[in-house]
N, C-alpha and C. Protein backbone atom coordinates (compact mmCIF):
# COMPACT_ATOMS: atom_id res chain seq x y z
N MET A 1 1.08 -1.36 -0.11
CA MET A 1 0.41 0.46 -0.20
C MET A 1 1.05 1.42 0.00
N LEU A 2 0.65 2.27 -0.52
CA LEU A 2 1.47 3.35 -1.12
C LEU A 2 0.68 4.05 0.25
N SER A 3 1.97 4.76 1.33
CA SER A 3 1.30 5.45 2.49
C SER A 3 1.79 6.84 1.70
N ARG A 4 0.36 7.63 2.25
CA ARG A 4 0.53 9.00 2.07
C ARG A 4 -0.18 9.50 3.23
N ALA A 5 0.72 11.29 3.06
CA ALA A 5 0.37 12.00 4.12
C ALA A 5 0.23 13.69 3.62
N GLY A 6 -0.63 14.04 4.42
CA GLY A 6 -1.17 15.45 4.63
C GLY A 6 0.10 16.46 5.18
N MET A 7 0.52 17.28 4.58
CA MET A 7 1.82 18.27 4.80
C MET A 7 1.23 19.50 4.75
N LEU A 8 1.21 20.41 5.62
CA LEU A 8 1.10 21.69 5.35
C LEU A 8 2.27 22.51 5.23
N ARG A 9 2.26 23.51 4.11
CA ARG A 9 3.41 23.85 3.48
C ARG A 9 3.68 25.26 3.49
N GLY A 10 3.22 25.29 4.77
CA GLY A 10 3.31 26.86 5.28
C GLY A 10 2.50 27.08 6.40
N PHE A 11 3.09 28.39 7.35
CA PHE A 11 3.19 28.63 8.64
C PHE A 11 1.53 29.54 8.56
N GLY A 12 0.57 29.32 9.45
CA GLY A 12 -0.40 29.90 10.02
C GLY A 12 -1.33 30.04 9.08
N SER A 13 -1.94 28.88 8.36
CA SER A 13 -2.74 28.87 7.42
C SER A 13 -3.31 27.64 6.63
N LEU A 14 -4.43 27.42 6.60
CA LEU A 14 -5.30 25.67 6.45
C LEU A 14 -5.57 26.08 4.60
N ALA A 15 -5.01 27.28 4.00
CA ALA A 15 -5.52 27.56 2.41
C ALA A 15 -5.12 26.36 1.78
N VAL A 16 -5.98 25.91 0.57
CA VAL A 16 -5.75 24.74 -0.31
C VAL A 16 -4.36 24.92 -0.67
N ARG A 17 -3.64 26.03 -1.08
CA ARG A 17 -2.18 26.03 -1.64
C ARG A 17 -1.46 25.63 -0.76
N ASN A 18 -1.32 25.61 0.43
CA ASN A 18 -0.47 25.58 1.67
C ASN A 18 -0.56 23.74 2.16
N LEU A 19 -1.74 23.18 1.68
CA LEU A 19 -1.81 21.61 2.14
C LEU A 19 -1.74 20.77 0.65
N LYS A 20 -0.66 19.72 1.15
CA LYS A 20 -0.28 19.02 -0.04
C LYS A 20 -0.55 17.46 0.55
N LEU A 21 -0.92 16.60 -0.30
CA LEU A 21 -1.25 15.39 -0.21
C LEU A 21 0.33 14.48 -0.87
N GLU A 22 1.05 14.20 -0.12
CA GLU A 22 2.27 13.52 -0.49
C GLU A 22 2.66 12.09 -0.17
N LYS A 23 3.37 11.56 -1.26
CA LYS A 23 3.95 10.30 -0.61
C LYS A 23 4.55 10.24 0.93
N ALA A 24 4.48 9.49 1.79
CA ALA A 24 5.11 9.36 2.71
C ALA A 24 6.46 8.52 2.99
N ALA A 25 7.22 9.08 3.60
CA ALA A 25 8.48 7.97 3.95
C ALA A 25 7.90 6.73 3.91
N PRO A 26 8.67 5.71 3.85
CA PRO A 26 8.30 4.11 4.00
C PRO A 26 8.55 3.91 5.90
N LEU A 27 7.61 2.92 6.06
CA LEU A 27 7.65 3.12 7.65
C LEU A 27 8.28 2.24 7.97
N SER A 28 8.74 2.10 9.30
CA SER A 28 9.57 1.33 9.92
C SER A 28 9.06 -0.03 10.30
N ALA A 29 10.20 -0.61 10.41
CA ALA A 29 9.05 -2.36 11.02
C ALA A 29 8.93 -1.94 12.57
N VAL A 30 7.91 -2.60 13.13
CA VAL A 30 7.38 -2.47 14.10
C VAL A 30 8.19 -2.91 15.08
N GLY A 31 8.81 -2.16 16.12
CA GLY A 31 9.70 -2.49 17.16
C GLY A 31 9.10 -2.94 18.37
N PRO A 32 10.29 -3.18 19.01
CA PRO A 32 9.23 -3.66 20.92
C PRO A 32 8.38 -2.45 21.37
N ALA A 33 7.49 -2.78 22.13
CA ALA A 33 6.86 -2.05 22.41
C ALA A 33 6.18 -0.64 21.57
N GLN A 34 5.67 -1.03 20.35
CA GLN A 34 5.60 -0.35 18.87
C GLN A 34 4.23 -1.42 18.56
N VAL A 35 3.36 -0.28 18.05
CA VAL A 35 2.25 -0.52 17.09
C VAL A 35 2.10 -0.48 15.47
N SER A 36 1.55 -0.96 14.77
CA SER A 36 1.27 -0.05 13.15
C SER A 36 -0.58 -0.03 13.61
N LEU A 37 -0.54 1.15 12.71
CA LEU A 37 -1.86 1.82 13.12
C LEU A 37 -1.98 2.30 11.44
N ALA A 38 -3.44 1.71 11.22
CA ALA A 38 -4.04 2.28 10.07
C ALA A 38 -4.76 3.50 10.32
N MET A 39 -4.83 4.71 9.86
CA MET A 39 -5.14 5.39 10.26
C MET A 39 -6.52 5.98 9.19
N VAL A 40 -7.48 6.37 9.94
CA VAL A 40 -8.77 5.62 9.41
C VAL A 40 -9.61 7.45 9.53
N ALA A 41 -9.14 8.40 10.28
CA ALA A 41 -9.98 9.40 10.73
C ALA A 41 -9.25 10.65 11.36
N SER A 42 -9.33 11.57 10.52
CA SER A 42 -8.50 13.00 11.39
C SER A 42 -9.37 14.10 10.99
N PRO A 43 -9.93 14.89 12.02
CA PRO A 43 -10.54 16.27 11.62
C PRO A 43 -9.25 17.36 11.38
N VAL A 44 -9.94 18.24 10.86
CA VAL A 44 -8.76 19.12 10.90
C VAL A 44 -9.32 20.16 12.22
N HIS A 45 -8.48 20.33 12.96
CA HIS A 45 -8.55 20.94 14.44
C HIS A 45 -8.39 22.46 14.41
N ASN A 46 -8.67 23.13 15.02
CA ASN A 46 -8.51 24.93 14.59
C ASN A 46 -7.08 25.24 15.08
N ALA A 47 -6.37 23.34 16.05
CA ALA A 47 -4.99 24.27 16.22
C ALA A 47 -4.15 23.56 14.89
N ASP A 48 -4.56 22.99 14.20
CA ASP A 48 -3.72 22.50 12.90
C ASP A 48 -3.74 23.52 12.38
N ARG A 49 -4.62 24.71 12.26
CA ARG A 49 -3.87 25.76 11.27
C ARG A 49 -3.00 26.55 12.07
N LYS A 50 -2.76 26.57 13.05
CA LYS A 50 -1.30 27.31 13.89
C LYS A 50 0.17 26.27 13.62
N VAL A 51 0.24 24.86 12.83
CA VAL A 51 1.50 24.37 13.02
C VAL A 51 1.68 24.32 11.40
N GLY A 52 2.95 24.70 11.16
CA GLY A 52 3.08 24.46 9.94
C GLY A 52 4.49 24.27 9.79
N SER A 53 5.12 23.02 8.98
CA SER A 53 6.35 22.98 8.45
C SER A 53 6.76 22.25 7.38
N SER A 54 8.17 22.34 6.76
CA SER A 54 7.95 21.57 5.61
C SER A 54 8.57 20.12 5.76
N SER A 55 8.82 19.78 6.94
CA SER A 55 9.04 18.17 7.09
C SER A 55 8.17 17.41 8.31
N ALA A 56 7.02 18.26 8.81
CA ALA A 56 6.39 17.34 9.84
C ALA A 56 5.10 17.26 8.72
N ILE A 57 4.72 15.99 9.20
CA ILE A 57 2.95 15.80 8.41
C ILE A 57 2.12 16.07 10.07
N SER A 58 0.66 17.07 9.11
CA SER A 58 0.18 17.47 9.76
C SER A 58 -0.84 16.76 10.98
N GLY A 59 -1.79 17.14 11.47
CA GLY A 59 -3.05 16.78 11.87
C GLY A 59 -2.98 16.21 13.46
N ILE A 60 -3.17 17.44 14.61
CA ILE A 60 -3.04 16.75 15.99
C ILE A 60 -3.71 15.71 16.46
N GLU A 61 -4.92 15.31 15.65
CA GLU A 61 -6.17 14.48 16.21
C GLU A 61 -6.45 13.54 15.59
N GLY A 62 -6.27 12.34 16.11
CA GLY A 62 -6.59 11.14 15.11
C GLY A 62 -7.26 10.22 15.61
N LEU A 63 -7.64 8.94 14.75
CA LEU A 63 -8.26 7.83 14.86
C LEU A 63 -7.89 6.51 14.25
N GLY A 64 -6.61 5.47 14.83
CA GLY A 64 -6.66 4.71 14.22
C GLY A 64 -6.82 3.03 14.55
N LYS A 65 -6.62 2.23 13.65
CA LYS A 65 -6.85 0.85 13.68
C LYS A 65 -5.35 -0.01 13.69
N VAL A 66 -5.12 -0.61 14.86
CA VAL A 66 -3.95 -1.35 15.19
C VAL A 66 -3.77 -2.65 14.25
N THR A 67 -2.87 -2.14 13.22
CA THR A 67 -2.86 -3.11 12.25
C THR A 67 -1.73 -4.46 12.71
N SER A 68 -0.75 -4.15 13.43
CA SER A 68 0.55 -5.34 14.12
C SER A 68 0.74 -4.70 15.63
N VAL A 69 1.23 -5.64 16.16
CA VAL A 69 1.75 -5.17 17.59
C VAL A 69 3.35 -5.70 17.61
N GLY A 70 3.90 -4.87 18.41
CA GLY A 70 5.46 -5.54 18.41
C GLY A 70 5.35 -6.14 19.69
N THR A 71 6.70 -6.58 19.84
CA THR A 71 6.82 -7.35 21.11
C THR A 71 6.86 -6.56 22.43
N GLY A 72 6.19 -7.51 23.43
CA GLY A 72 6.20 -6.83 24.74
C GLY A 72 5.29 -6.11 24.83
N VAL A 73 4.17 -5.88 23.78
CA VAL A 73 2.51 -5.02 23.84
C VAL A 73 1.53 -6.07 24.28
N SER A 74 0.86 -5.73 25.63
CA SER A 74 0.34 -6.58 26.05
C SER A 74 -0.98 -5.88 26.36
N ASN A 75 -0.91 -4.61 26.18
CA ASN A 75 -2.81 -4.09 26.45
C ASN A 75 -2.96 -3.81 25.07
N LEU A 76 -2.91 -3.76 23.86
CA LEU A 76 -3.14 -3.63 22.48
C LEU A 76 -3.18 -5.04 21.83
N LYS A 77 -3.99 -5.22 20.49
CA LYS A 77 -3.84 -6.21 20.04
C LYS A 77 -4.57 -5.80 18.62
N VAL A 78 -4.31 -6.67 17.52
CA VAL A 78 -4.77 -6.38 16.11
C VAL A 78 -6.28 -5.78 16.28
N GLY A 79 -6.99 -5.11 15.24
CA GLY A 79 -8.15 -4.89 15.03
C GLY A 79 -8.57 -3.35 16.32
N ASP A 80 -7.76 -3.18 17.51
CA ASP A 80 -8.47 -2.24 18.27
C ASP A 80 -8.00 -1.14 17.95
N TRP A 81 -9.07 -0.16 17.89
CA TRP A 81 -9.47 1.25 17.71
C TRP A 81 -8.01 2.30 18.72
N VAL A 82 -7.80 3.13 18.29
CA VAL A 82 -6.75 4.12 19.40
C VAL A 82 -6.91 5.45 18.71
N VAL A 83 -6.59 6.28 19.85
CA VAL A 83 -6.32 7.98 19.24
C VAL A 83 -4.92 8.13 19.98
N PRO A 84 -4.06 8.54 18.98
CA PRO A 84 -2.94 8.87 19.59
C PRO A 84 -2.75 10.00 20.25
N LYS A 85 -1.65 10.45 21.07
CA LYS A 85 -1.40 11.71 21.74
C LYS A 85 -1.23 12.52 20.78
N LEU A 86 -1.98 13.50 21.19
CA LEU A 86 -2.02 14.90 20.29
C LEU A 86 -0.55 15.33 20.09
N GLY A 87 -0.68 16.06 18.45
CA GLY A 87 0.42 16.32 17.72
C GLY A 87 1.21 15.14 17.39
N PHE A 88 0.22 13.91 17.41
CA PHE A 88 1.09 12.92 16.50
C PHE A 88 1.30 12.80 15.12
N GLY A 89 0.71 14.02 14.37
CA GLY A 89 0.35 14.16 12.91
C GLY A 89 -0.48 12.97 12.36
N ALA A 90 -1.70 13.03 12.59
CA ALA A 90 -2.66 11.89 12.28
C ALA A 90 -2.96 11.90 10.44
N TRP A 91 -2.75 13.00 10.05
CA TRP A 91 -2.90 13.32 8.53
C TRP A 91 -2.05 12.09 7.66
N ARG A 92 -2.09 10.58 7.89
CA ARG A 92 -1.45 10.07 7.26
C ARG A 92 -2.10 8.67 7.25
N SER A 93 -1.71 7.68 6.18
CA SER A 93 -2.80 6.34 6.08
C SER A 93 -2.30 5.58 6.99
N GLU A 94 -1.32 5.52 7.29
CA GLU A 94 -0.40 4.41 8.08
C GLU A 94 0.44 5.16 8.83
N ALA A 95 1.17 4.44 9.95
CA ALA A 95 1.94 4.86 10.83
C ALA A 95 2.33 3.65 11.77
N VAL A 96 3.48 3.92 12.65
CA VAL A 96 4.03 3.35 13.50
C VAL A 96 4.11 4.43 14.91
N ALA A 97 3.57 3.87 16.00
CA ALA A 97 3.68 4.69 17.20
C ALA A 97 4.09 3.92 18.37
N ASP A 98 4.67 4.42 19.28
CA ASP A 98 4.70 3.79 20.47
C ASP A 98 3.37 3.30 21.02
N ALA A 99 3.34 2.16 21.55
CA ALA A 99 1.74 1.84 22.15
C ALA A 99 1.63 2.32 23.42
N ALA A 100 3.06 3.23 24.12
CA ALA A 100 2.23 3.58 25.29
C ALA A 100 1.62 5.57 24.97
N ALA A 101 1.68 5.61 23.41
CA ALA A 101 1.79 7.25 23.22
C ALA A 101 0.02 6.53 22.42
N VAL A 102 -0.66 5.96 22.44
CA VAL A 102 -1.51 5.41 22.10
C VAL A 102 -2.72 4.65 23.17
N THR A 103 -4.14 5.27 22.40
CA THR A 103 -5.41 5.23 23.87
C THR A 103 -6.28 4.49 23.28
N ARG A 104 -6.32 3.15 23.65
CA ARG A 104 -7.50 2.18 23.11
C ARG A 104 -9.07 3.06 23.41
N VAL A 105 -9.85 2.80 22.51
CA VAL A 105 -10.99 3.12 22.51
C VAL A 105 -12.28 2.11 22.50
N ARG A 106 -13.07 2.50 22.43
CA ARG A 106 -14.23 1.14 22.59
C ARG A 106 -14.78 1.84 21.34
N ILE A 107 -15.67 0.92 20.70
CA ILE A 107 -15.95 0.67 18.88
C ILE A 107 -17.41 1.80 19.47
N SER A 108 -18.20 1.51 20.56
CA SER A 108 -19.58 2.37 21.10
C SER A 108 -19.18 3.54 20.93
N VAL A 109 -18.03 4.09 21.65
CA VAL A 109 -17.35 5.32 21.66
C VAL A 109 -17.54 6.03 20.07
N ILE A 110 -16.52 4.84 19.04
CA ILE A 110 -16.89 5.91 17.77
C ILE A 110 -17.79 5.90 16.94
N VAL A 111 -19.16 5.18 17.33
CA VAL A 111 -20.33 4.69 16.57
C VAL A 111 -20.63 6.16 16.87
N ASN A 112 -20.83 6.52 18.25
CA ASN A 112 -21.74 7.70 18.90
C ASN A 112 -21.01 8.48 18.56
N VAL A 113 -20.05 8.59 18.20
CA VAL A 113 -19.30 9.91 17.82
C VAL A 113 -19.82 10.63 16.24
N THR A 114 -19.58 9.63 15.48
CA THR A 114 -19.94 9.61 14.09
C THR A 114 -20.98 9.97 14.09
N LYS A 115 -22.47 9.51 14.63
CA LYS A 115 -23.74 9.76 14.51
C LYS A 115 -24.07 11.27 14.98
N CYS A 116 -23.37 11.57 15.81
CA CYS A 116 -23.11 13.59 15.91
C CYS A 116 -22.90 14.05 14.58
N VAL A 117 -22.00 13.54 13.60
CA VAL A 117 -21.67 14.17 12.80
C VAL A 117 -22.58 14.85 12.09
């Protein structure tokens, strides 16, 4: 799968000219105490417009699904829904994260939130 990421190419603006969907760097292998994620949702948060960098993946909030688990991870399993810590760079299709940097959420919470949108 081709990994893609949303990059803000300018500071202080979410103008279309500054937001680019680009190929992301290849993922590193999942290491001990890490999980790989398929990112499925990431809203445009008000704080995102204040962030901009030529090398950082944008998106301070997101929702992902665990696709693989590294050794030593006992609190998460493949298929779990997780929310990465704020500032994760969630505007991407897939990621590797420290297991301690994501929080598992119940599917019923996700369903209720999507009903509100």
